[in-house]
Amino acid sequence: MLLAHPEAARFICRKIYRFFVYHDISAEVEQNVIEPLAQIFRESNYEILPVLQALFQSEHFFDPLNRGVLIKSPLDVAVGLFRCFNVSMPPPSDLFNRFAISYQTD
């Protein structure tokens, strides 16, 4: 019932666009990017994969104005570095013991 409304496809495509491209959606982007993606979404029986393929293969996705606009949080950077260098965190119980020891020695 929810997906029968045309706004549902546009809403989901806006979420996808904000996650992968840019948080601000202008009227031009709404008309030239979101609407075609929503049409693909409806025609593909509400499957996400064709929408993602269309977005990732579009010229808009590779536009120089859209590069580097998403800023990572410090947590994203730290987790990315841990994954890149295969650093593993100690178990949570060990973290508590380490904190308790360092608190007592300071």
PDB file of N, CA and C in Angstrom:
ATOM      1  N   MET A   1       0.823  -1.175   0.000  1.00  0.00           N
ATOM      2  CA  MET A   1       0.000   0.000   0.000  1.00  0.00           C
ATOM      3  C   MET A   1       0.885   1.263   0.000  1.00  0.00           C
ATOM      4  N   LEU A   2       1.956   1.231   0.782  1.00  0.00           N
ATOM      5  CA  LEU A   2       2.844   2.393   0.823  1.00  0.00           C
ATOM      6  C   LEU A   2       3.567   2.596  -0.507  1.00  0.00           C
ATOM      7  N   LEU A   3       4.008   1.507  -1.111  1.00  0.00           N
ATOM      8  CA  LEU A   3       4.766   1.625  -2.353  1.00  0.00           C
ATOM      9  C   LEU A   3       3.887   1.988  -3.536  1.00  0.00           C
ATOM     10  N   ALA A   4       2.591   1.896  -3.401  1.00  0.00           N
ATOM     11  CA  ALA A   4       1.701   2.277  -4.486  1.00  0.00           C
ATOM     12  C   ALA A   4       1.714   3.778  -4.722  1.00  0.00           C
ATOM     13  N   HIS A   5       2.057   4.545  -3.731  1.00  0.00           N
ATOM     14  CA  HIS A   5       2.113   6.001  -3.870  1.00  0.00           C
ATOM     15  C   HIS A   5       3.419   6.394  -4.556  1.00  0.00           C
ATOM     16  N   PRO A   6       3.371   7.265  -5.573  1.00  0.00           N
ATOM     17  CA  PRO A   6       4.604   7.631  -6.298  1.00  0.00           C
ATOM     18  C   PRO A   6       5.649   8.339  -5.431  1.00  0.00           C
ATOM     19  N   GLU A   7       5.233   8.985  -4.365  1.00  0.00           N
ATOM     20  CA  GLU A   7       6.177   9.689  -3.503  1.00  0.00           C
ATOM     21  C   GLU A   7       7.100   8.716  -2.764  1.00  0.00           C
ATOM     22  N   ALA A   8       6.663   7.485  -2.565  1.00  0.00           N
ATOM     23  CA  ALA A   8       7.488   6.498  -1.860  1.00  0.00           C
ATOM     24  C   ALA A   8       8.787   6.238  -2.622  1.00  0.00           C
ATOM     25  N   ALA A   9       8.699   6.079  -3.936  1.00  0.00           N
ATOM     26  CA  ALA A   9       9.896   5.838  -4.743  1.00  0.00           C
ATOM     27  C   ALA A   9      10.817   7.056  -4.719  1.00  0.00           C
ATOM     28  N   ARG A  10      10.255   8.245  -4.809  1.00  0.00           N
ATOM     29  CA  ARG A  10      11.077   9.457  -4.759  1.00  0.00           C
ATOM     30  C   ARG A  10      11.755   9.603  -3.394  1.00  0.00           C
ATOM     31  N   PHE A  11      11.025   9.290  -2.325  1.00  0.00           N
ATOM     32  CA  PHE A  11      11.576   9.385  -0.979  1.00  0.00           C
ATOM     33  C   PHE A  11      12.789   8.470  -0.813  1.00  0.00           C
ATOM     34  N   ILE A  12      12.657   7.232  -1.251  1.00  0.00           N
ATOM     35  CA  ILE A  12      13.755   6.269  -1.121  1.00  0.00           C
ATOM     36  C   ILE A  12      14.930   6.678  -2.008  1.00  0.00           C
ATOM     37  N   CYS A  13      14.655   7.172  -3.209  1.00  0.00           N
ATOM     38  CA  CYS A  13      15.739   7.614  -4.094  1.00  0.00           C
ATOM     39  C   CYS A  13      16.443   8.844  -3.527  1.00  0.00           C
ATOM     40  N   ARG A  14      15.718   9.726  -2.853  1.00  0.00           N
ATOM     41  CA  ARG A  14      16.361  10.865  -2.192  1.00  0.00           C
ATOM     42  C   ARG A  14      17.298  10.388  -1.092  1.00  0.00           C
ATOM     43  N   LYS A  15      16.853   9.403  -0.319  1.00  0.00           N
ATOM     44  CA  LYS A  15      17.704   8.847   0.743  1.00  0.00           C
ATOM     45  C   LYS A  15      18.980   8.250   0.158  1.00  0.00           C
ATOM     46  N   ILE A  16      18.851   7.513  -0.923  1.00  0.00           N
ATOM     47  CA  ILE A  16      20.006   6.907  -1.575  1.00  0.00           C
ATOM     48  C   ILE A  16      20.942   8.002  -2.087  1.00  0.00           C
ATOM     49  N   TYR A  17      20.380   9.026  -2.714  1.00  0.00           N
ATOM     50  CA  TYR A  17      21.190  10.133  -3.241  1.00  0.00           C
ATOM     51  C   TYR A  17      21.934  10.837  -2.114  1.00  0.00           C
ATOM     52  N   ARG A  18      21.254  11.115  -1.025  1.00  0.00           N
ATOM     53  CA  ARG A  18      21.906  11.801   0.096  1.00  0.00           C
ATOM     54  C   ARG A  18      23.019  10.952   0.705  1.00  0.00           C
ATOM     55  N   PHE A  19      22.851   9.654   0.732  1.00  0.00           N
ATOM     56  CA  PHE A  19      23.858   8.784   1.326  1.00  0.00           C
ATOM     57  C   PHE A  19      25.103   8.683   0.439  1.00  0.00           C
ATOM     58  N   PHE A  20      24.914   8.580  -0.872  1.00  0.00           N
ATOM     59  CA  PHE A  20      26.041   8.310  -1.763  1.00  0.00           C
ATOM     60  C   PHE A  20      26.595   9.539  -2.475  1.00  0.00           C
ATOM     61  N   VAL A  21      25.820  10.611  -2.616  1.00  0.00           N
ATOM     62  CA  VAL A  21      26.286  11.730  -3.422  1.00  0.00           C
ATOM     63  C   VAL A  21      26.414  13.002  -2.599  1.00  0.00           C
ATOM     64  N   TYR A  22      25.294  13.580  -2.177  1.00  0.00           N
ATOM     65  CA  TYR A  22      25.327  14.877  -1.512  1.00  0.00           C
ATOM     66  C   TYR A  22      24.047  15.066  -0.719  1.00  0.00           C
ATOM     67  N   HIS A  23      24.154  15.764   0.402  1.00  0.00           N
ATOM     68  CA  HIS A  23      22.998  15.909   1.292  1.00  0.00           C
ATOM     69  C   HIS A  23      21.986  16.930   0.794  1.00  0.00           C
ATOM     70  N   ASP A  24      22.405  17.874  -0.043  1.00  0.00           N
ATOM     71  CA  ASP A  24      21.504  18.918  -0.515  1.00  0.00           C
ATOM     72  C   ASP A  24      20.956  18.536  -1.886  1.00  0.00           C
ATOM     73  N   ILE A  25      19.638  18.586  -2.025  1.00  0.00           N
ATOM     74  CA  ILE A  25      18.994  18.244  -3.289  1.00  0.00           C
ATOM     75  C   ILE A  25      18.314  19.492  -3.824  1.00  0.00           C
ATOM     76  N   SER A  26      18.823  19.995  -4.931  1.00  0.00           N
ATOM     77  CA  SER A  26      18.233  21.181  -5.553  1.00  0.00           C
ATOM     78  C   SER A  26      17.059  20.766  -6.442  1.00  0.00           C
ATOM     79  N   ALA A  27      16.348  21.760  -6.945  1.00  0.00           N
ATOM     80  CA  ALA A  27      15.215  21.479  -7.839  1.00  0.00           C
ATOM     81  C   ALA A  27      15.705  20.819  -9.125  1.00  0.00           C
ATOM     82  N   GLU A  28      16.883  21.226  -9.598  1.00  0.00           N
ATOM     83  CA  GLU A  28      17.449  20.628 -10.807  1.00  0.00           C
ATOM     84  C   GLU A  28      17.808  19.157 -10.586  1.00  0.00           C
ATOM     85  N   VAL A  29      18.412  18.860  -9.455  1.00  0.00           N
ATOM     86  CA  VAL A  29      18.753  17.469  -9.130  1.00  0.00           C
ATOM     87  C   VAL A  29      17.480  16.650  -8.955  1.00  0.00           C
ATOM     88  N   GLU A  30      16.492  17.235  -8.335  1.00  0.00           N
ATOM     89  CA  GLU A  30      15.205  16.539  -8.146  1.00  0.00           C
ATOM     90  C   GLU A  30      14.627  16.140  -9.498  1.00  0.00           C
ATOM     91  N   GLN A  31      14.656  17.076 -10.445  1.00  0.00           N
ATOM     92  CA  GLN A  31      14.065  16.821 -11.755  1.00  0.00           C
ATOM     93  C   GLN A  31      14.920  15.898 -12.612  1.00  0.00           C
ATOM     94  N   ASN A  32      16.244  16.111 -12.629  1.00  0.00           N
ATOM     95  CA  ASN A  32      17.113  15.395 -13.563  1.00  0.00           C
ATOM     96  C   ASN A  32      17.721  14.107 -13.018  1.00  0.00           C
ATOM     97  N   VAL A  33      17.716  13.920 -11.706  1.00  0.00           N
ATOM     98  CA  VAL A  33      18.342  12.725 -11.132  1.00  0.00           C
ATOM     99  C   VAL A  33      17.327  11.901 -10.339  1.00  0.00           C
ATOM    100  N   ILE A  34      16.653  12.532  -9.391  1.00  0.00           N
ATOM    101  CA  ILE A  34      15.748  11.790  -8.503  1.00  0.00           C
ATOM    102  C   ILE A  34      14.558  11.213  -9.259  1.00  0.00           C
ATOM    103  N   GLU A  35      13.936  12.013 -10.115  1.00  0.00           N
ATOM    104  CA  GLU A  35      12.764  11.524 -10.859  1.00  0.00           C
ATOM    105  C   GLU A  35      13.102  10.324 -11.744  1.00  0.00           C
ATOM    106  N   PRO A  36      14.196  10.380 -12.550  1.00  0.00           N
ATOM    107  CA  PRO A  36      14.539   9.180 -13.332  1.00  0.00           C
ATOM    108  C   PRO A  36      14.871   7.969 -12.462  1.00  0.00           C
ATOM    109  N   LEU A  37      15.554   8.203 -11.338  1.00  0.00           N
ATOM    110  CA  LEU A  37      15.850   7.079 -10.443  1.00  0.00           C
ATOM    111  C   LEU A  37      14.562   6.492  -9.866  1.00  0.00           C
ATOM    112  N   ALA A  38      13.628   7.351  -9.507  1.00  0.00           N
ATOM    113  CA  ALA A  38      12.340   6.866  -8.977  1.00  0.00           C
ATOM    114  C   ALA A  38      11.583   6.078 -10.039  1.00  0.00           C
ATOM    115  N   GLN A  39      11.667   6.524 -11.284  1.00  0.00           N
ATOM    116  CA  GLN A  39      11.011   5.794 -12.372  1.00  0.00           C
ATOM    117  C   GLN A  39      11.644   4.409 -12.544  1.00  0.00           C
ATOM    118  N   ILE A  40      12.968   4.343 -12.497  1.00  0.00           N
ATOM    119  CA  ILE A  40      13.662   3.051 -12.571  1.00  0.00           C
ATOM    120  C   ILE A  40      13.254   2.174 -11.396  1.00  0.00           C
ATOM    121  N   PHE A  41      13.141   2.772 -10.225  1.00  0.00           N
ATOM    122  CA  PHE A  41      12.766   2.034  -9.019  1.00  0.00           C
ATOM    123  C   PHE A  41      11.381   1.415  -9.165  1.00  0.00           C
ATOM    124  N   ARG A  42      10.431   2.191  -9.688  1.00  0.00           N
ATOM    125  CA  ARG A  42       9.072   1.665  -9.881  1.00  0.00           C
ATOM    126  C   ARG A  42       9.039   0.583 -10.963  1.00  0.00           C
ATOM    127  N   GLU A  43       9.758   0.820 -12.068  1.00  0.00           N
ATOM    128  CA  GLU A  43       9.747  -0.137 -13.176  1.00  0.00           C
ATOM    129  C   GLU A  43      10.446  -1.448 -12.832  1.00  0.00           C
ATOM    130  N   SER A  44      11.388  -1.418 -11.896  1.00  0.00           N
ATOM    131  CA  SER A  44      12.106  -2.628 -11.516  1.00  0.00           C
ATOM    132  C   SER A  44      11.441  -3.341 -10.348  1.00  0.00           C
ATOM    133  N   ASN A  45      10.175  -3.029 -10.120  1.00  0.00           N
ATOM    134  CA  ASN A  45       9.388  -3.668  -9.062  1.00  0.00           C
ATOM    135  C   ASN A  45      10.002  -3.414  -7.683  1.00  0.00           C
ATOM    136  N   TYR A  46      10.477  -2.186  -7.494  1.00  0.00           N
ATOM    137  CA  TYR A  46      11.013  -1.704  -6.215  1.00  0.00           C
ATOM    138  C   TYR A  46      12.246  -2.476  -5.745  1.00  0.00           C
ATOM    139  N   GLU A  47      13.104  -2.795  -6.700  1.00  0.00           N
ATOM    140  CA  GLU A  47      14.396  -3.379  -6.357  1.00  0.00           C
ATOM    141  C   GLU A  47      15.438  -2.264  -6.320  1.00  0.00           C
ATOM    142  N   ILE A  48      16.316  -2.312  -5.339  1.00  0.00           N
ATOM    143  CA  ILE A  48      17.302  -1.252  -5.136  1.00  0.00           C
ATOM    144  C   ILE A  48      18.467  -1.364  -6.123  1.00  0.00           C
ATOM    145  N   LEU A  49      18.863  -2.568  -6.479  1.00  0.00           N
ATOM    146  CA  LEU A  49      20.050  -2.771  -7.316  1.00  0.00           C
ATOM    147  C   LEU A  49      20.005  -1.996  -8.628  1.00  0.00           C
ATOM    148  N   PRO A  50      18.918  -2.017  -9.410  1.00  0.00           N
ATOM    149  CA  PRO A  50      18.911  -1.224 -10.648  1.00  0.00           C
ATOM    150  C   PRO A  50      19.046   0.280 -10.395  1.00  0.00           C
ATOM    151  N   VAL A  51      18.516   0.756  -9.292  1.00  0.00           N
ATOM    152  CA  VAL A  51      18.638   2.173  -8.954  1.00  0.00           C
ATOM    153  C   VAL A  51      20.094   2.507  -8.654  1.00  0.00           C
ATOM    154  N   LEU A  52      20.749   1.670  -7.871  1.00  0.00           N
ATOM    155  CA  LEU A  52      22.157   1.899  -7.541  1.00  0.00           C
ATOM    156  C   LEU A  52      23.033   1.820  -8.785  1.00  0.00           C
ATOM    157  N   GLN A  53      22.751   0.862  -9.666  1.00  0.00           N
ATOM    158  CA  GLN A  53      23.525   0.753 -10.898  1.00  0.00           C
ATOM    159  C   GLN A  53      23.360   2.004 -11.755  1.00  0.00           C
ATOM    160  N   ALA A  54      22.139   2.494 -11.869  1.00  0.00           N
ATOM    161  CA  ALA A  54      21.890   3.694 -12.663  1.00  0.00           C
ATOM    162  C   ALA A  54      22.591   4.898 -12.048  1.00  0.00           C
ATOM    163  N   LEU A  55      22.545   5.026 -10.733  1.00  0.00           N
ATOM    164  CA  LEU A  55      23.190   6.153 -10.068  1.00  0.00           C
ATOM    165  C   LEU A  55      24.705   6.090 -10.222  1.00  0.00           C
ATOM    166  N   PHE A  56      25.287   4.916  -9.977  1.00  0.00           N
ATOM    167  CA  PHE A  56      26.740   4.777 -10.017  1.00  0.00           C
ATOM    168  C   PHE A  56      27.317   4.859 -11.427  1.00  0.00           C
ATOM    169  N   GLN A  57      26.488   4.645 -12.441  1.00  0.00           N
ATOM    170  CA  GLN A  57      26.953   4.738 -13.818  1.00  0.00           C
ATOM    171  C   GLN A  57      26.603   6.079 -14.459  1.00  0.00           C
ATOM    172  N   SER A  58      25.961   6.943 -13.723  1.00  0.00           N
ATOM    173  CA  SER A  58      25.545   8.233 -14.284  1.00  0.00           C
ATOM    174  C   SER A  58      26.711   9.221 -14.295  1.00  0.00           C
ATOM    175  N   GLU A  59      26.618  10.184 -15.203  1.00  0.00           N
ATOM    176  CA  GLU A  59      27.625  11.243 -15.258  1.00  0.00           C
ATOM    177  C   GLU A  59      27.541  12.132 -14.024  1.00  0.00           C
ATOM    178  N   HIS A  60      26.352  12.271 -13.492  1.00  0.00           N
ATOM    179  CA  HIS A  60      26.155  13.119 -12.313  1.00  0.00           C
ATOM    180  C   HIS A  60      26.948  12.597 -11.122  1.00  0.00           C
ATOM    181  N   PHE A  61      27.020  11.284 -10.989  1.00  0.00           N
ATOM    182  CA  PHE A  61      27.755  10.688  -9.875  1.00  0.00           C
ATOM    183  C   PHE A  61      29.244  11.029  -9.955  1.00  0.00           C
ATOM    184  N   PHE A  62      29.791  11.113 -11.173  1.00  0.00           N
ATOM    185  CA  PHE A  62      31.211  11.371 -11.363  1.00  0.00           C
ATOM    186  C   PHE A  62      31.513  12.846 -11.628  1.00  0.00           C
ATOM    187  N   ASP A  63      30.536  13.702 -11.472  1.00  0.00           N
ATOM    188  CA  ASP A  63      30.724  15.137 -11.669  1.00  0.00           C
ATOM    189  C   ASP A  63      31.754  15.659 -10.663  1.00  0.00           C
ATOM    190  N   PRO A  64      32.742  16.433 -11.120  1.00  0.00           N
ATOM    191  CA  PRO A  64      33.761  16.953 -10.183  1.00  0.00           C
ATOM    192  C   PRO A  64      33.177  17.776  -9.032  1.00  0.00           C
ATOM    193  N   LEU A  65      32.028  18.383  -9.229  1.00  0.00           N
ATOM    194  CA  LEU A  65      31.408  19.158  -8.149  1.00  0.00           C
ATOM    195  C   LEU A  65      30.885  18.271  -7.028  1.00  0.00           C
ATOM    196  N   ASN A  66      30.686  16.998  -7.302  1.00  0.00           N
ATOM    197  CA  ASN A  66      30.168  16.075  -6.294  1.00  0.00           C
ATOM    198  C   ASN A  66      31.261  15.253  -5.630  1.00  0.00           C
ATOM    199  N   ARG A  67      32.501  15.482  -5.966  1.00  0.00           N
ATOM    200  CA  ARG A  67      33.595  14.712  -5.366  1.00  0.00           C
ATOM    201  C   ARG A  67      34.043  15.354  -4.062  1.00  0.00           C
ATOM    202  N   GLY A  68      34.238  14.543  -3.078  1.00  0.00           N
ATOM    203  CA  GLY A  68      34.768  15.009  -1.810  1.00  0.00           C
ATOM    204  C   GLY A  68      33.805  15.850  -0.989  1.00  0.00           C
ATOM    205  N   VAL A  69      32.515  15.733  -1.236  1.00  0.00           N
ATOM    206  CA  VAL A  69      31.560  16.558  -0.495  1.00  0.00           C
ATOM    207  C   VAL A  69      31.074  15.887   0.786  1.00  0.00           C
ATOM    208  N   LEU A  70      31.255  14.583   0.888  1.00  0.00           N
ATOM    209  CA  LEU A  70      30.861  13.879   2.103  1.00  0.00           C
ATOM    210  C   LEU A  70      32.038  13.867   3.064  1.00  0.00           C
ATOM    211  N   ILE A  71      31.828  14.367   4.255  1.00  0.00           N
ATOM    212  CA  ILE A  71      32.891  14.458   5.252  1.00  0.00           C
ATOM    213  C   ILE A  71      32.690  13.345   6.268  1.00  0.00           C
ATOM    214  N   LYS A  72      33.751  12.582   6.500  1.00  0.00           N
ATOM    215  CA  LYS A  72      33.675  11.485   7.465  1.00  0.00           C
ATOM    216  C   LYS A  72      33.770  12.027   8.887  1.00  0.00           C
ATOM    217  N   SER A  73      33.061  11.357   9.771  1.00  0.00           N
ATOM    218  CA  SER A  73      33.175  11.692  11.183  1.00  0.00           C
ATOM    219  C   SER A  73      34.475  11.098  11.722  1.00  0.00           C
ATOM    220  N   PRO A  74      34.960  11.579  12.858  1.00  0.00           N
ATOM    221  CA  PRO A  74      36.183  10.997  13.426  1.00  0.00           C
ATOM    222  C   PRO A  74      36.055   9.493  13.684  1.00  0.00           C
ATOM    223  N   LEU A  75      34.874   9.052  14.050  1.00  0.00           N
ATOM    224  CA  LEU A  75      34.672   7.619  14.276  1.00  0.00           C
ATOM    225  C   LEU A  75      34.829   6.839  12.976  1.00  0.00           C
ATOM    226  N   ASP A  76      34.279   7.356  11.864  1.00  0.00           N
ATOM    227  CA  ASP A  76      34.438   6.693  10.568  1.00  0.00           C
ATOM    228  C   ASP A  76      35.902   6.607  10.167  1.00  0.00           C
ATOM    229  N   VAL A  77      36.661   7.661  10.415  1.00  0.00           N
ATOM    230  CA  VAL A  77      38.079   7.670  10.076  1.00  0.00           C
ATOM    231  C   VAL A  77      38.825   6.631  10.925  1.00  0.00           C
ATOM    232  N   ALA A  78      38.543   6.596  12.224  1.00  0.00           N
ATOM    233  CA  ALA A  78      39.226   5.653  13.113  1.00  0.00           C
ATOM    234  C   ALA A  78      38.895   4.209  12.733  1.00  0.00           C
ATOM    235  N   VAL A  79      37.641   3.922  12.487  1.00  0.00           N
ATOM    236  CA  VAL A  79      37.251   2.557  12.109  1.00  0.00           C
ATOM    237  C   VAL A  79      37.888   2.185  10.775  1.00  0.00           C
ATOM    238  N   GLY A  80      37.928   3.126   9.837  1.00  0.00           N
ATOM    239  CA  GLY A  80      38.567   2.865   8.549  1.00  0.00           C
ATOM    240  C   GLY A  80      40.040   2.558   8.695  1.00  0.00           C
ATOM    241  N   LEU A  81      40.724   3.300   9.555  1.00  0.00           N
ATOM    242  CA  LEU A  81      42.146   3.023   9.792  1.00  0.00           C
ATOM    243  C   LEU A  81      42.350   1.669  10.457  1.00  0.00           C
ATOM    244  N   PHE A  82      41.506   1.343  11.419  1.00  0.00           N
ATOM    245  CA  PHE A  82      41.609   0.034  12.079  1.00  0.00           C
ATOM    246  C   PHE A  82      41.439  -1.086  11.056  1.00  0.00           C
ATOM    247  N   ARG A  83      40.477  -0.936  10.159  1.00  0.00           N
ATOM    248  CA  ARG A  83      40.247  -1.971   9.148  1.00  0.00           C
ATOM    249  C   ARG A  83      41.391  -2.027   8.149  1.00  0.00           C
ATOM    250  N   CYS A  84      41.912  -0.877   7.765  1.00  0.00           N
ATOM    251  CA  CYS A  84      42.996  -0.821   6.781  1.00  0.00           C
ATOM    252  C   CYS A  84      44.252  -1.513   7.298  1.00  0.00           C
ATOM    253  N   PHE A  85      44.580  -1.315   8.569  1.00  0.00           N
ATOM    254  CA  PHE A  85      45.797  -1.872   9.140  1.00  0.00           C
ATOM    255  C   PHE A  85      45.553  -3.138   9.960  1.00  0.00           C
ATOM    256  N   ASN A  86      44.367  -3.713   9.846  1.00  0.00           N
ATOM    257  CA  ASN A  86      44.006  -4.954  10.543  1.00  0.00           C
ATOM    258  C   ASN A  86      44.251  -4.868  12.043  1.00  0.00           C
ATOM    259  N   VAL A  87      43.892  -3.758  12.641  1.00  0.00           N
ATOM    260  CA  VAL A  87      44.014  -3.586  14.085  1.00  0.00           C
ATOM    261  C   VAL A  87      42.751  -4.130  14.722  1.00  0.00           C
ATOM    262  N   SER A  88      42.910  -4.974  15.714  1.00  0.00           N
ATOM    263  CA  SER A  88      41.736  -5.508  16.400  1.00  0.00           C
ATOM    264  C   SER A  88      41.655  -4.912  17.797  1.00  0.00           C
ATOM    265  N   MET A  89      40.458  -4.683  18.220  1.00  0.00           N
ATOM    266  CA  MET A  89      40.229  -4.124  19.543  1.00  0.00           C
ATOM    267  C   MET A  89      40.176  -5.268  20.561  1.00  0.00           C
ATOM    268  N   PRO A  90      40.638  -5.029  21.767  1.00  0.00           N
ATOM    269  CA  PRO A  90      40.520  -6.059  22.805  1.00  0.00           C
ATOM    270  C   PRO A  90      39.052  -6.226  23.183  1.00  0.00           C
ATOM    271  N   PRO A  91      38.715  -7.343  23.796  1.00  0.00           N
ATOM    272  CA  PRO A  91      37.327  -7.546  24.203  1.00  0.00           C
ATOM    273  C   PRO A  91      36.886  -6.476  25.201  1.00  0.00           C
ATOM    274  N   PRO A  92      35.586  -6.181  25.258  1.00  0.00           N
ATOM    275  CA  PRO A  92      35.097  -5.118  26.147  1.00  0.00           C
ATOM    276  C   PRO A  92      35.488  -5.308  27.605  1.00  0.00           C
ATOM    277  N   SER A  93      35.530  -6.540  28.085  1.00  0.00           N
ATOM    278  CA  SER A  93      35.903  -6.749  29.481  1.00  0.00           C
ATOM    279  C   SER A  93      37.352  -6.328  29.720  1.00  0.00           C
ATOM    280  N   ASP A  94      38.222  -6.562  28.740  1.00  0.00           N
ATOM    281  CA  ASP A  94      39.616  -6.159  28.868  1.00  0.00           C
ATOM    282  C   ASP A  94      39.739  -4.639  28.842  1.00  0.00           C
ATOM    283  N   LEU A  95      38.902  -3.959  28.053  1.00  0.00           N
ATOM    284  CA  LEU A  95      38.918  -2.500  28.026  1.00  0.00           C
ATOM    285  C   LEU A  95      38.578  -1.930  29.404  1.00  0.00           C
ATOM    286  N   PHE A  96      37.598  -2.518  30.058  1.00  0.00           N
ATOM    287  CA  PHE A  96      37.219  -2.039  31.384  1.00  0.00           C
ATOM    288  C   PHE A  96      38.372  -2.215  32.362  1.00  0.00           C
ATOM    289  N   ASN A  97      39.036  -3.376  32.312  1.00  0.00           N
ATOM    290  CA  ASN A  97      40.166  -3.627  33.207  1.00  0.00           C
ATOM    291  C   ASN A  97      41.316  -2.671  32.913  1.00  0.00           C
ATOM    292  N   ARG A  98      41.584  -2.419  31.649  1.00  0.00           N
ATOM    293  CA  ARG A  98      42.654  -1.482  31.300  1.00  0.00           C
ATOM    294  C   ARG A  98      42.325  -0.079  31.804  1.00  0.00           C
ATOM    295  N   PHE A  99      41.073   0.330  31.641  1.00  0.00           N
ATOM    296  CA  PHE A  99      40.675   1.669  32.094  1.00  0.00           C
ATOM    297  C   PHE A  99      40.801   1.756  33.602  1.00  0.00           C
ATOM    298  N   ALA A 100      40.367   0.736  34.300  1.00  0.00           N
ATOM    299  CA  ALA A 100      40.432   0.751  35.759  1.00  0.00           C
ATOM    300  C   ALA A 100      41.882   0.839  36.231  1.00  0.00           C
ATOM    301  N   ILE A 101      42.779   0.094  35.595  1.00  0.00           N
ATOM    302  CA  ILE A 101      44.183   0.121  35.975  1.00  0.00           C
ATOM    303  C   ILE A 101      44.794   1.493  35.686  1.00  0.00           C
ATOM    304  N   SER A 102      44.509   2.048  34.511  1.00  0.00           N
ATOM    305  CA  SER A 102      45.103   3.345  34.165  1.00  0.00           C
ATOM    306  C   SER A 102      44.518   4.452  35.062  1.00  0.00           C
ATOM    307  N   TYR A 103      43.293   4.299  35.478  1.00  0.00           N
ATOM    308  CA  TYR A 103      42.681   5.309  36.371  1.00  0.00           C
ATOM    309  C   TYR A 103      43.350   5.269  37.747  1.00  0.00           C
ATOM    310  N   GLN A 104      43.689   4.079  38.218  1.00  0.00           N
ATOM    311  CA  GLN A 104      44.310   3.944  39.532  1.00  0.00           C
ATOM    312  C   GLN A 104      45.768   4.379  39.531  1.00  0.00           C
ATOM    313  N   THR A 105      46.448   4.259  38.389  1.00  0.00           N
ATOM    314  CA  THR A 105      47.867   4.609  38.354  1.00  0.00           C
ATOM    315  C   THR A 105      48.130   6.075  38.067  1.00  0.00           C
ATOM    316  N   ASP A 106      47.143   6.799  37.621  1.00  0.00           N
ATOM    317  CA  ASP A 106      47.345   8.222  37.315  1.00  0.00           C
ATOM    318  C   ASP A 106      47.258   9.095  38.531  1.00  0.00           C
TER     319      ASP A 106
END
